[in-house]
Amino acid sequence: MAMTSGSDAPNDYDSAEQLRRRIDTTKAHPARVYDVFLGGKDNYPVDRDAAAAALAANPRGYLDVRHNRDFLRRAVNHIAGETGIRQFLDIGTGLPTQENVHQIAQRIVPDARVVYVDNDPVVLAHARALLTSGPEGRTDYIDADLRDPAAILRDAAGTLDLAEPVALVLVAVLHFVEDDEAYGIVKHLVDALPSGSHVVLSHLTSDLNAEQIAKVAKTYKDRGFSFVLREHAEVLRFITDNGLEIVEPGLVPVHHWRPDNADDTLAAHADASPEFVEGLEDIDKIRYRSITDVTDADINVYAVVARKP
């Protein structure tokens, strides 16, 4: 089933002209910077500049991004395969790439329903075209901001049955929200979900490899991003403040959450010659690099999955 719009008047903001007017190509956007690190092409020079600055500050920082994405794969596999949950609410979706939530979940649960949420019009345009469900399930895209959880829940209810368990996906998004808002937002969302729901969460932190992540954070803050690095106890609050039960192995560095040693390097890149790769800009080389050589000194992201009792 194709995506629905999540809007009462989809023709208003679905039009190319409406989207074009909303796109600001003079300011980097987190979703598009993330797309650069994943080897995508749906970004602008200002986003590449932001990603390149972050990479210069931490040359192995791409491992944070790609291991974060790989954690999402493993977590959705766990939830779809082991919990019985058939509904996913993915907030801060980012631009479509390989192994999106509905693709992972619907391989295991063909009738899974997935609602994606983001506030970037570039994401909106591509999500409508690319995030299409398998024939037995359903996907939807909501054009909304994490800071408005009431609107997200209202629109998500058009696709998801919020009386049944939902997997709430908050992957690499909460570090863009200041403390005063962030904890209240998560509480609002979790309170609306029934027993048996799960939360999938990852978050950049300052207490794994503090010096390198501080340099990266500065490059983003210099470009106007809100950027909050939280320590272990502060990330854990998103779980404990809401009475959630942590799934093993707990709140851990992202590459330690049930690793399966898979290499996410795209098969399409396997034939790229070393000479070709060496001729690329540094920010473009990372799409050809394996993530299996990761060490603890490379990672600045915590990950956790938790259940609402």
C-alpha atoms as a PDB file:
ATOM      1  CA  MET A   1       0.000   0.000   0.000  1.00  0.00           C
ATOM      2  CA  ALA A   2       1.385   3.396  -0.873  1.00  0.00           C
ATOM      3  CA  MET A   3       2.058   6.007   1.725  1.00  0.00           C
ATOM      4  CA  THR A   4      -0.704   8.273   2.839  1.00  0.00           C
ATOM      5  CA  SER A   5       0.054  11.853   3.696  1.00  0.00           C
ATOM      6  CA  GLY A   6      -0.901  12.103   7.343  1.00  0.00           C
ATOM      7  CA  SER A   7      -2.660  15.388   6.554  1.00  0.00           C
ATOM      8  CA  ASP A   8      -6.228  16.521   6.133  1.00  0.00           C
ATOM      9  CA  ALA A   9      -5.192  18.510   3.077  1.00  0.00           C
ATOM     10  CA  PRO A  10      -2.303  16.658   1.438  1.00  0.00           C
ATOM     11  CA  ASN A  11      -2.520  18.620  -1.789  1.00  0.00           C
ATOM     12  CA  ASP A  12      -1.603  21.818   0.040  1.00  0.00           C
ATOM     13  CA  TYR A  13       1.856  20.860   1.237  1.00  0.00           C
ATOM     14  CA  ASP A  14       2.403  17.916  -1.079  1.00  0.00           C
ATOM     15  CA  SER A  15       2.938  20.124  -4.082  1.00  0.00           C
ATOM     16  CA  ALA A  16       6.450  20.560  -5.400  1.00  0.00           C
ATOM     17  CA  GLU A  17       6.121  24.333  -5.187  1.00  0.00           C
ATOM     18  CA  GLN A  18       5.102  24.272  -1.524  1.00  0.00           C
ATOM     19  CA  LEU A  19       8.023  22.004  -0.713  1.00  0.00           C
ATOM     20  CA  ARG A  20      10.471  24.074  -2.715  1.00  0.00           C
ATOM     21  CA  ARG A  21       9.592  27.237  -0.800  1.00  0.00           C
ATOM     22  CA  ARG A  22      10.177  25.463   2.510  1.00  0.00           C
ATOM     23  CA  ILE A  23      13.654  24.142   1.683  1.00  0.00           C
ATOM     24  CA  ASP A  24      16.432  26.305   3.117  1.00  0.00           C
ATOM     25  CA  THR A  25      19.628  25.490   1.241  1.00  0.00           C
ATOM     26  CA  THR A  26      21.626  28.089   3.198  1.00  0.00           C
ATOM     27  CA  LYS A  27      21.480  26.234   6.515  1.00  0.00           C
ATOM     28  CA  ALA A  28      22.504  22.659   7.252  1.00  0.00           C
ATOM     29  CA  HIS A  29      19.795  20.278   8.457  1.00  0.00           C
ATOM     30  CA  PRO A  30      20.519  17.250  10.688  1.00  0.00           C
ATOM     31  CA  ALA A  31      18.637  14.823   8.437  1.00  0.00           C
ATOM     32  CA  ARG A  32      20.599  15.908   5.381  1.00  0.00           C
ATOM     33  CA  VAL A  33      23.952  15.871   7.209  1.00  0.00           C
ATOM     34  CA  TYR A  34      23.154  12.324   8.331  1.00  0.00           C
ATOM     35  CA  ASP A  35      22.403  11.500   4.705  1.00  0.00           C
ATOM     36  CA  VAL A  36      25.884  12.684   3.717  1.00  0.00           C
ATOM     37  CA  PHE A  37      27.473  10.317   6.235  1.00  0.00           C
ATOM     38  CA  LEU A  38      25.397   7.424   4.918  1.00  0.00           C
ATOM     39  CA  GLY A  39      26.546   8.076   1.379  1.00  0.00           C
ATOM     40  CA  GLY A  40      23.287   9.595   0.202  1.00  0.00           C
ATOM     41  CA  LYS A  41      22.807  12.207  -2.504  1.00  0.00           C
ATOM     42  CA  ASP A  42      19.791  14.099  -1.157  1.00  0.00           C
ATOM     43  CA  ASN A  43      21.701  16.937   0.441  1.00  0.00           C
ATOM     44  CA  TYR A  44      23.134  20.367  -0.348  1.00  0.00           C
ATOM     45  CA  PRO A  45      26.638  21.906  -0.245  1.00  0.00           C
ATOM     46  CA  VAL A  46      25.917  23.408   3.169  1.00  0.00           C
ATOM     47  CA  ASP A  47      25.115  19.915   4.501  1.00  0.00           C
ATOM     48  CA  ARG A  48      28.278  18.473   2.970  1.00  0.00           C
ATOM     49  CA  ASP A  49      30.268  21.288   4.541  1.00  0.00           C
ATOM     50  CA  ALA A  50      28.811  20.466   7.956  1.00  0.00           C
ATOM     51  CA  ALA A  51      29.534  16.755   7.534  1.00  0.00           C
ATOM     52  CA  ALA A  52      33.050  17.447   6.263  1.00  0.00           C
ATOM     53  CA  ALA A  53      33.779  19.705   9.241  1.00  0.00           C
ATOM     54  CA  ALA A  54      32.562  17.025  11.635  1.00  0.00           C
ATOM     55  CA  LEU A  55      34.677  14.412   9.866  1.00  0.00           C
ATOM     56  CA  ALA A  56      37.744  16.647  10.041  1.00  0.00           C
ATOM     57  CA  ALA A  57      37.162  17.051  13.777  1.00  0.00           C
ATOM     58  CA  ASN A  58      36.829  13.271  14.190  1.00  0.00           C
ATOM     59  CA  PRO A  59      38.073  11.299  11.166  1.00  0.00           C
ATOM     60  CA  ARG A  60      36.466   8.057  12.400  1.00  0.00           C
ATOM     61  CA  GLY A  61      33.226   9.748  13.377  1.00  0.00           C
ATOM     62  CA  TYR A  62      31.435   8.121  10.459  1.00  0.00           C
ATOM     63  CA  LEU A  63      31.460   4.954  12.581  1.00  0.00           C
ATOM     64  CA  ASP A  64      29.080   6.648  15.033  1.00  0.00           C
ATOM     65  CA  VAL A  65      26.601   7.303  12.238  1.00  0.00           C
ATOM     66  CA  ARG A  66      26.803   3.948  10.548  1.00  0.00           C
ATOM     67  CA  HIS A  67      26.811   1.898  13.751  1.00  0.00           C
ATOM     68  CA  ASN A  68      23.837   3.937  14.911  1.00  0.00           C
ATOM     69  CA  ARG A  69      22.045   2.953  11.704  1.00  0.00           C
ATOM     70  CA  ASP A  70      23.067  -0.665  12.187  1.00  0.00           C
ATOM     71  CA  PHE A  71      21.701  -0.603  15.741  1.00  0.00           C
ATOM     72  CA  LEU A  72      18.340   0.427  14.275  1.00  0.00           C
ATOM     73  CA  ARG A  73      18.429  -2.656  12.047  1.00  0.00           C
ATOM     74  CA  ARG A  74      19.200  -4.988  14.932  1.00  0.00           C
ATOM     75  CA  ALA A  75      16.653  -3.405  17.268  1.00  0.00           C
ATOM     76  CA  VAL A  76      13.814  -3.565  14.730  1.00  0.00           C
ATOM     77  CA  ASN A  77      14.733  -7.168  13.961  1.00  0.00           C
ATOM     78  CA  HIS A  78      14.464  -7.951  17.684  1.00  0.00           C
ATOM     79  CA  ILE A  79      11.129  -6.205  18.114  1.00  0.00           C
ATOM     80  CA  ALA A  80       9.506  -7.581  14.970  1.00  0.00           C
ATOM     81  CA  GLY A  81      10.867 -11.053  15.552  1.00  0.00           C
ATOM     82  CA  GLU A  82      10.555 -11.509  19.295  1.00  0.00           C
ATOM     83  CA  THR A  83       7.939  -9.194  20.828  1.00  0.00           C
ATOM     84  CA  GLY A  84       4.872  -9.570  18.629  1.00  0.00           C
ATOM     85  CA  ILE A  85       4.749  -5.821  17.968  1.00  0.00           C
ATOM     86  CA  ARG A  86       3.468  -4.923  14.518  1.00  0.00           C
ATOM     87  CA  GLN A  87       3.442  -1.128  14.764  1.00  0.00           C
ATOM     88  CA  PHE A  88       6.347   1.318  14.616  1.00  0.00           C
ATOM     89  CA  LEU A  89       6.469   5.084  15.147  1.00  0.00           C
ATOM     90  CA  ASP A  90       9.836   6.368  13.871  1.00  0.00           C
ATOM     91  CA  ILE A  91      10.429  10.023  14.850  1.00  0.00           C
ATOM     92  CA  GLY A  92      13.338  11.851  13.262  1.00  0.00           C
ATOM     93  CA  THR A  93      13.289   9.464  10.341  1.00  0.00           C
ATOM     94  CA  GLY A  94      15.841  11.189   8.156  1.00  0.00           C
ATOM     95  CA  LEU A  95      16.170  10.652   4.441  1.00  0.00           C
ATOM     96  CA  PRO A  96      15.278   7.222   3.082  1.00  0.00           C
ATOM     97  CA  THR A  97      18.240   4.907   2.792  1.00  0.00           C
ATOM     98  CA  GLN A  98      18.784   1.163   2.680  1.00  0.00           C
ATOM     99  CA  GLU A  99      17.171  -0.857   5.464  1.00  0.00           C
ATOM    100  CA  ASN A 100      14.412   1.518   6.519  1.00  0.00           C
ATOM    101  CA  VAL A 101      12.202   0.473   9.432  1.00  0.00           C
ATOM    102  CA  HIS A 102       9.327  -0.836   7.295  1.00  0.00           C
ATOM    103  CA  GLN A 103      11.670  -2.884   5.125  1.00  0.00           C
ATOM    104  CA  ILE A 104      13.273  -4.528   8.160  1.00  0.00           C
ATOM    105  CA  ALA A 105      10.004  -5.116  10.004  1.00  0.00           C
ATOM    106  CA  GLN A 106       7.938  -6.298   7.031  1.00  0.00           C
ATOM    107  CA  ARG A 107      10.453  -8.990   6.138  1.00  0.00           C
ATOM    108  CA  ILE A 108       9.514 -10.558   9.470  1.00  0.00           C
ATOM    109  CA  VAL A 109       5.962  -9.258   9.930  1.00  0.00           C
ATOM    110  CA  PRO A 110       4.509  -8.540   6.457  1.00  0.00           C
ATOM    111  CA  ASP A 111       1.478  -6.718   7.859  1.00  0.00           C
ATOM    112  CA  ALA A 112       3.546  -4.316  10.004  1.00  0.00           C
ATOM    113  CA  ARG A 113       2.451  -0.694  10.054  1.00  0.00           C
ATOM    114  CA  VAL A 114       5.057   2.077  10.187  1.00  0.00           C
ATOM    115  CA  VAL A 115       4.633   5.828  10.624  1.00  0.00           C
ATOM    116  CA  TYR A 116       7.642   7.995   9.854  1.00  0.00           C
ATOM    117  CA  VAL A 117       7.995  11.524  11.253  1.00  0.00           C
ATOM    118  CA  ASP A 118      10.365  14.310  10.232  1.00  0.00           C
ATOM    119  CA  ASN A 119      10.193  18.059   9.703  1.00  0.00           C
ATOM    120  CA  ASP A 120      12.508  18.543   6.734  1.00  0.00           C
ATOM    121  CA  PRO A 121      10.722  19.139   3.413  1.00  0.00           C
ATOM    122  CA  VAL A 122      13.505  17.313   1.565  1.00  0.00           C
ATOM    123  CA  VAL A 123      12.777  14.259   3.701  1.00  0.00           C
ATOM    124  CA  LEU A 124       9.071  14.725   3.013  1.00  0.00           C
ATOM    125  CA  ALA A 125       9.524  14.744  -0.740  1.00  0.00           C
ATOM    126  CA  HIS A 126      11.634  11.605  -0.778  1.00  0.00           C
ATOM    127  CA  ALA A 127       9.664   9.768   1.881  1.00  0.00           C
ATOM    128  CA  ARG A 128       6.462  10.032  -0.107  1.00  0.00           C
ATOM    129  CA  ALA A 129       8.204   8.550  -3.122  1.00  0.00           C
ATOM    130  CA  LEU A 130      10.382   5.885  -1.535  1.00  0.00           C
ATOM    131  CA  LEU A 131       8.994   4.760   1.824  1.00  0.00           C
ATOM    132  CA  THR A 132       6.258   2.600   0.370  1.00  0.00           C
ATOM    133  CA  SER A 133       4.914  -0.426   2.186  1.00  0.00           C
ATOM    134  CA  GLY A 134       4.708  -4.022   1.149  1.00  0.00           C
ATOM    135  CA  PRO A 135       1.253  -5.166  -0.003  1.00  0.00           C
ATOM    136  CA  GLU A 136       0.155  -6.536   3.389  1.00  0.00           C
ATOM    137  CA  GLY A 137       1.330  -3.676   5.576  1.00  0.00           C
ATOM    138  CA  ARG A 138       1.068   0.080   5.598  1.00  0.00           C
ATOM    139  CA  THR A 139       3.384   3.070   5.864  1.00  0.00           C
ATOM    140  CA  ASP A 140       2.650   6.735   6.437  1.00  0.00           C
ATOM    141  CA  TYR A 141       4.708   9.900   6.720  1.00  0.00           C
ATOM    142  CA  ILE A 142       3.901  12.750   9.108  1.00  0.00           C
ATOM    143  CA  ASP A 143       5.361  16.191   8.473  1.00  0.00           C
ATOM    144  CA  ALA A 144       5.856  17.251  12.086  1.00  0.00           C
ATOM    145  CA  ASP A 145       8.395  18.278  14.704  1.00  0.00           C
ATOM    146  CA  LEU A 146       9.404  16.143  17.682  1.00  0.00           C
ATOM    147  CA  ARG A 147       8.687  19.177  19.833  1.00  0.00           C
ATOM    148  CA  ASP A 148       4.971  18.764  19.117  1.00  0.00           C
ATOM    149  CA  PRO A 149       4.261  15.247  20.420  1.00  0.00           C
ATOM    150  CA  ALA A 150       0.512  15.861  20.635  1.00  0.00           C
ATOM    151  CA  ALA A 151       0.334  16.522  16.883  1.00  0.00           C
ATOM    152  CA  ILE A 152       2.470  13.470  16.152  1.00  0.00           C
ATOM    153  CA  LEU A 153       0.244  11.199  18.216  1.00  0.00           C
ATOM    154  CA  ARG A 154      -2.920  12.673  16.710  1.00  0.00           C
ATOM    155  CA  ASP A 155      -1.784  12.099  13.147  1.00  0.00           C
ATOM    156  CA  ALA A 156      -0.155   8.736  13.857  1.00  0.00           C
ATOM    157  CA  ALA A 157      -3.496   7.458  15.118  1.00  0.00           C
ATOM    158  CA  GLY A 158      -4.723   7.576  11.535  1.00  0.00           C
ATOM    159  CA  THR A 159      -2.428   4.644  10.724  1.00  0.00           C
ATOM    160  CA  LEU A 160      -1.527   3.060  14.057  1.00  0.00           C
ATOM    161  CA  ASP A 161      -3.855   1.620  16.683  1.00  0.00           C
ATOM    162  CA  LEU A 162      -2.534   3.308  19.817  1.00  0.00           C
ATOM    163  CA  ALA A 163      -4.525   0.894  21.968  1.00  0.00           C
ATOM    164  CA  GLU A 164      -2.142  -1.853  20.809  1.00  0.00           C
ATOM    165  CA  PRO A 165       1.615  -1.999  21.508  1.00  0.00           C
ATOM    166  CA  VAL A 166       3.832   0.300  19.442  1.00  0.00           C
ATOM    167  CA  ALA A 167       7.603   0.470  19.006  1.00  0.00           C
ATOM    168  CA  LEU A 168       8.580   4.113  19.475  1.00  0.00           C
ATOM    169  CA  VAL A 169      11.839   4.777  17.607  1.00  0.00           C
ATOM    170  CA  LEU A 170      13.891   7.746  18.835  1.00  0.00           C
ATOM    171  CA  VAL A 171      17.206   7.061  17.152  1.00  0.00           C
ATOM    172  CA  ALA A 172      19.800   9.867  17.154  1.00  0.00           C
ATOM    173  CA  VAL A 173      17.203  12.607  17.542  1.00  0.00           C
ATOM    174  CA  LEU A 174      16.972  13.600  21.211  1.00  0.00           C
ATOM    175  CA  HIS A 175      20.426  15.189  21.266  1.00  0.00           C
ATOM    176  CA  PHE A 176      18.939  17.954  19.114  1.00  0.00           C
ATOM    177  CA  VAL A 177      16.498  18.904  21.892  1.00  0.00           C
ATOM    178  CA  GLU A 178      17.368  20.824  25.059  1.00  0.00           C
ATOM    179  CA  ASP A 179      16.795  19.224  28.469  1.00  0.00           C
ATOM    180  CA  ASP A 180      13.748  21.263  29.456  1.00  0.00           C
ATOM    181  CA  GLU A 181      11.881  19.951  26.436  1.00  0.00           C
ATOM    182  CA  ALA A 182      13.396  16.551  25.804  1.00  0.00           C
ATOM    183  CA  TYR A 183      12.323  14.704  28.937  1.00  0.00           C
ATOM    184  CA  GLY A 184       8.790  16.067  28.744  1.00  0.00           C
ATOM    185  CA  ILE A 185       8.483  15.109  25.083  1.00  0.00           C
ATOM    186  CA  VAL A 186       9.466  11.500  25.742  1.00  0.00           C
ATOM    187  CA  LYS A 187       7.091  11.303  28.712  1.00  0.00           C
ATOM    188  CA  HIS A 188       4.215  12.628  26.578  1.00  0.00           C
ATOM    189  CA  LEU A 189       4.884  10.022  23.901  1.00  0.00           C
ATOM    190  CA  VAL A 190       5.402   7.070  26.247  1.00  0.00           C
ATOM    191  CA  ASP A 191       2.348   7.943  28.349  1.00  0.00           C
ATOM    192  CA  ALA A 192       0.194   7.655  25.221  1.00  0.00           C
ATOM    193  CA  LEU A 193       1.337   4.105  24.462  1.00  0.00           C
ATOM    194  CA  PRO A 194      -0.124   0.934  26.003  1.00  0.00           C
ATOM    195  CA  SER A 195       1.577  -1.770  28.041  1.00  0.00           C
ATOM    196  CA  GLY A 196       3.869  -3.948  25.946  1.00  0.00           C
ATOM    197  CA  SER A 197       5.097  -1.026  23.832  1.00  0.00           C
ATOM    198  CA  HIS A 198       8.841  -0.643  23.354  1.00  0.00           C
ATOM    199  CA  VAL A 199      11.189   2.319  23.023  1.00  0.00           C
ATOM    200  CA  VAL A 200      14.236   2.160  20.741  1.00  0.00           C
ATOM    201  CA  LEU A 201      16.601   4.993  21.625  1.00  0.00           C
ATOM    202  CA  SER A 202      20.121   6.110  20.767  1.00  0.00           C
ATOM    203  CA  HIS A 203      21.890   9.263  21.851  1.00  0.00           C
ATOM    204  CA  LEU A 204      25.254  10.967  21.429  1.00  0.00           C
ATOM    205  CA  THR A 205      27.161  11.188  24.693  1.00  0.00           C
ATOM    206  CA  SER A 206      30.040  13.126  26.222  1.00  0.00           C
ATOM    207  CA  ASP A 207      31.372  10.392  28.468  1.00  0.00           C
ATOM    208  CA  LEU A 208      32.731   7.742  26.102  1.00  0.00           C
ATOM    209  CA  ASN A 209      35.323   9.673  24.101  1.00  0.00           C
ATOM    210  CA  ALA A 210      34.803  13.188  25.366  1.00  0.00           C
ATOM    211  CA  GLU A 211      37.507  15.088  23.532  1.00  0.00           C
ATOM    212  CA  GLN A 212      36.638  13.964  20.019  1.00  0.00           C
ATOM    213  CA  ILE A 213      32.871  14.349  20.386  1.00  0.00           C
ATOM    214  CA  ALA A 214      33.299  17.831  21.876  1.00  0.00           C
ATOM    215  CA  LYS A 215      35.090  18.888  18.696  1.00  0.00           C
ATOM    216  CA  VAL A 216      32.297  17.447  16.559  1.00  0.00           C
ATOM    217  CA  ALA A 217      29.626  19.121  18.690  1.00  0.00           C
ATOM    218  CA  LYS A 218      31.311  22.477  18.203  1.00  0.00           C
ATOM    219  CA  THR A 219      31.169  22.146  14.412  1.00  0.00           C
ATOM    220  CA  TYR A 220      27.409  21.573  14.618  1.00  0.00           C
ATOM    221  CA  LYS A 221      26.747  24.306  17.158  1.00  0.00           C
ATOM    222  CA  ASP A 222      28.713  26.734  14.993  1.00  0.00           C
ATOM    223  CA  ARG A 223      26.147  25.990  12.275  1.00  0.00           C
ATOM    224  CA  GLY A 224      23.186  26.729  14.497  1.00  0.00           C
ATOM    225  CA  PHE A 225      22.174  23.226  15.604  1.00  0.00           C
ATOM    226  CA  SER A 226      20.889  22.636  19.099  1.00  0.00           C
ATOM    227  CA  PHE A 227      23.207  19.882  20.254  1.00  0.00           C
ATOM    228  CA  VAL A 228      23.101  18.304  23.713  1.00  0.00           C
ATOM    229  CA  LEU A 229      25.633  15.649  24.701  1.00  0.00           C
ATOM    230  CA  ARG A 230      24.190  13.673  27.621  1.00  0.00           C
ATOM    231  CA  GLU A 231      26.029  11.423  30.038  1.00  0.00           C
ATOM    232  CA  HIS A 232      24.954   7.848  30.788  1.00  0.00           C
ATOM    233  CA  ALA A 233      22.766   8.840  33.743  1.00  0.00           C
ATOM    234  CA  GLU A 234      21.088  11.580  31.712  1.00  0.00           C
ATOM    235  CA  VAL A 235      20.293   9.240  28.830  1.00  0.00           C
ATOM    236  CA  LEU A 236      19.087   6.607  31.283  1.00  0.00           C
ATOM    237  CA  ARG A 237      16.537   9.100  32.621  1.00  0.00           C
ATOM    238  CA  PHE A 238      14.543   8.768  29.395  1.00  0.00           C
ATOM    239  CA  ILE A 239      13.982   5.169  30.457  1.00  0.00           C
ATOM    240  CA  THR A 240      13.751   5.304  34.247  1.00  0.00           C
ATOM    241  CA  ASP A 241      11.616   8.464  34.441  1.00  0.00           C
ATOM    242  CA  ASN A 242       8.986   6.628  32.415  1.00  0.00           C
ATOM    243  CA  GLY A 243       9.059   3.367  34.345  1.00  0.00           C
ATOM    244  CA  LEU A 244      10.367   1.361  31.402  1.00  0.00           C
ATOM    245  CA  GLU A 245      12.021  -2.046  31.710  1.00  0.00           C
ATOM    246  CA  ILE A 246      15.398  -2.218  30.001  1.00  0.00           C
ATOM    247  CA  VAL A 247      15.981  -5.060  27.553  1.00  0.00           C
ATOM    248  CA  GLU A 248      19.363  -6.812  27.692  1.00  0.00           C
ATOM    249  CA  PRO A 249      22.159  -5.801  27.289  1.00  0.00           C
ATOM    250  CA  GLY A 250      20.992  -2.466  28.717  1.00  0.00           C
ATOM    251  CA  LEU A 251      22.142   1.056  27.913  1.00  0.00           C
ATOM    252  CA  VAL A 252      25.461   0.434  26.168  1.00  0.00           C
ATOM    253  CA  PRO A 253      27.736   1.887  23.497  1.00  0.00           C
ATOM    254  CA  VAL A 254      25.862   1.399  20.238  1.00  0.00           C
ATOM    255  CA  HIS A 255      28.204  -1.211  18.757  1.00  0.00           C
ATOM    256  CA  HIS A 256      27.738  -3.396  21.857  1.00  0.00           C
ATOM    257  CA  TRP A 257      23.942  -3.691  21.540  1.00  0.00           C
ATOM    258  CA  ARG A 258      23.519  -7.315  20.390  1.00  0.00           C
ATOM    259  CA  PRO A 259      26.230  -7.119  17.705  1.00  0.00           C
ATOM    260  CA  ASP A 260      26.034  -9.572  14.821  1.00  0.00           C
ATOM    261  CA  ASN A 261      29.233  -8.423  13.095  1.00  0.00           C
ATOM    262  CA  ALA A 262      27.412  -7.625   9.871  1.00  0.00           C
ATOM    263  CA  ASP A 263      29.167  -5.325   7.431  1.00  0.00           C
ATOM    264  CA  ASP A 264      26.811  -2.672   6.078  1.00  0.00           C
ATOM    265  CA  THR A 265      29.065  -1.686   3.175  1.00  0.00           C
ATOM    266  CA  LEU A 266      26.813  -1.813   0.147  1.00  0.00           C
ATOM    267  CA  ALA A 267      27.414  -4.684  -2.229  1.00  0.00           C
ATOM    268  CA  ALA A 268      27.240  -2.148  -5.043  1.00  0.00           C
ATOM    269  CA  HIS A 269      30.499  -0.656  -3.774  1.00  0.00           C
ATOM    270  CA  ALA A 270      32.362  -3.951  -3.579  1.00  0.00           C
ATOM    271  CA  ASP A 271      33.899  -3.560  -7.037  1.00  0.00           C
ATOM    272  CA  ALA A 272      35.189  -0.042  -6.477  1.00  0.00           C
ATOM    273  CA  SER A 273      38.930   0.021  -7.037  1.00  0.00           C
ATOM    274  CA  PRO A 274      41.275   1.384  -4.349  1.00  0.00           C
ATOM    275  CA  GLU A 275      42.484   3.959  -6.878  1.00  0.00           C
ATOM    276  CA  PHE A 276      38.949   5.222  -7.475  1.00  0.00           C
ATOM    277  CA  VAL A 277      38.197   5.493  -3.761  1.00  0.00           C
ATOM    278  CA  GLU A 278      41.491   7.224  -3.028  1.00  0.00           C
ATOM    279  CA  GLY A 279      40.638   9.910  -5.577  1.00  0.00           C
ATOM    280  CA  LEU A 280      37.441  10.900  -3.763  1.00  0.00           C
ATOM    281  CA  GLU A 281      37.000  13.640  -1.193  1.00  0.00           C
ATOM    282  CA  ASP A 282      37.301  12.403   2.377  1.00  0.00           C
ATOM    283  CA  ILE A 283      33.570  12.777   3.008  1.00  0.00           C
ATOM    284  CA  ASP A 284      32.834  10.541   0.001  1.00  0.00           C
ATOM    285  CA  LYS A 285      35.356   7.842   0.877  1.00  0.00           C
ATOM    286  CA  ILE A 286      33.451   6.768   3.977  1.00  0.00           C
ATOM    287  CA  ARG A 287      30.637   5.073   2.040  1.00  0.00           C
ATOM    288  CA  TYR A 288      33.185   2.499   0.838  1.00  0.00           C
ATOM    289  CA  ARG A 289      34.597   1.710   4.265  1.00  0.00           C
ATOM    290  CA  SER A 290      33.667  -1.289   6.361  1.00  0.00           C
ATOM    291  CA  ILE A 291      32.392  -0.757   9.893  1.00  0.00           C
ATOM    292  CA  THR A 292      33.695  -4.038  11.266  1.00  0.00           C
ATOM    293  CA  ASP A 293      37.003  -2.551  12.436  1.00  0.00           C
ATOM    294  CA  VAL A 294      35.254  -0.435  15.085  1.00  0.00           C
ATOM    295  CA  THR A 295      36.797  -0.059  18.540  1.00  0.00           C
ATOM    296  CA  ASP A 296      35.478   1.433  21.779  1.00  0.00           C
ATOM    297  CA  ALA A 297      37.617   4.498  21.095  1.00  0.00           C
ATOM    298  CA  ASP A 298      35.579   5.217  17.940  1.00  0.00           C
ATOM    299  CA  ILE A 299      32.092   5.354  19.436  1.00  0.00           C
ATOM    300  CA  ASN A 300      30.237   8.211  21.141  1.00  0.00           C
ATOM    301  CA  VAL A 301      26.670   6.876  21.002  1.00  0.00           C
ATOM    302  CA  TYR A 302      24.622   5.037  23.610  1.00  0.00           C
ATOM    303  CA  ALA A 303      21.824   2.678  22.588  1.00  0.00           C
ATOM    304  CA  VAL A 304      18.992   1.041  24.486  1.00  0.00           C
ATOM    305  CA  VAL A 305      15.729  -0.818  23.962  1.00  0.00           C
ATOM    306  CA  ALA A 306      13.159  -0.786  26.750  1.00  0.00           C
ATOM    307  CA  ARG A 307       9.646  -2.145  27.350  1.00  0.00           C
ATOM    308  CA  LYS A 308       6.643  -0.422  28.896  1.00  0.00           C
ATOM    309  CA  PRO A 309       5.256  -2.805  31.562  1.00  0.00           C
END
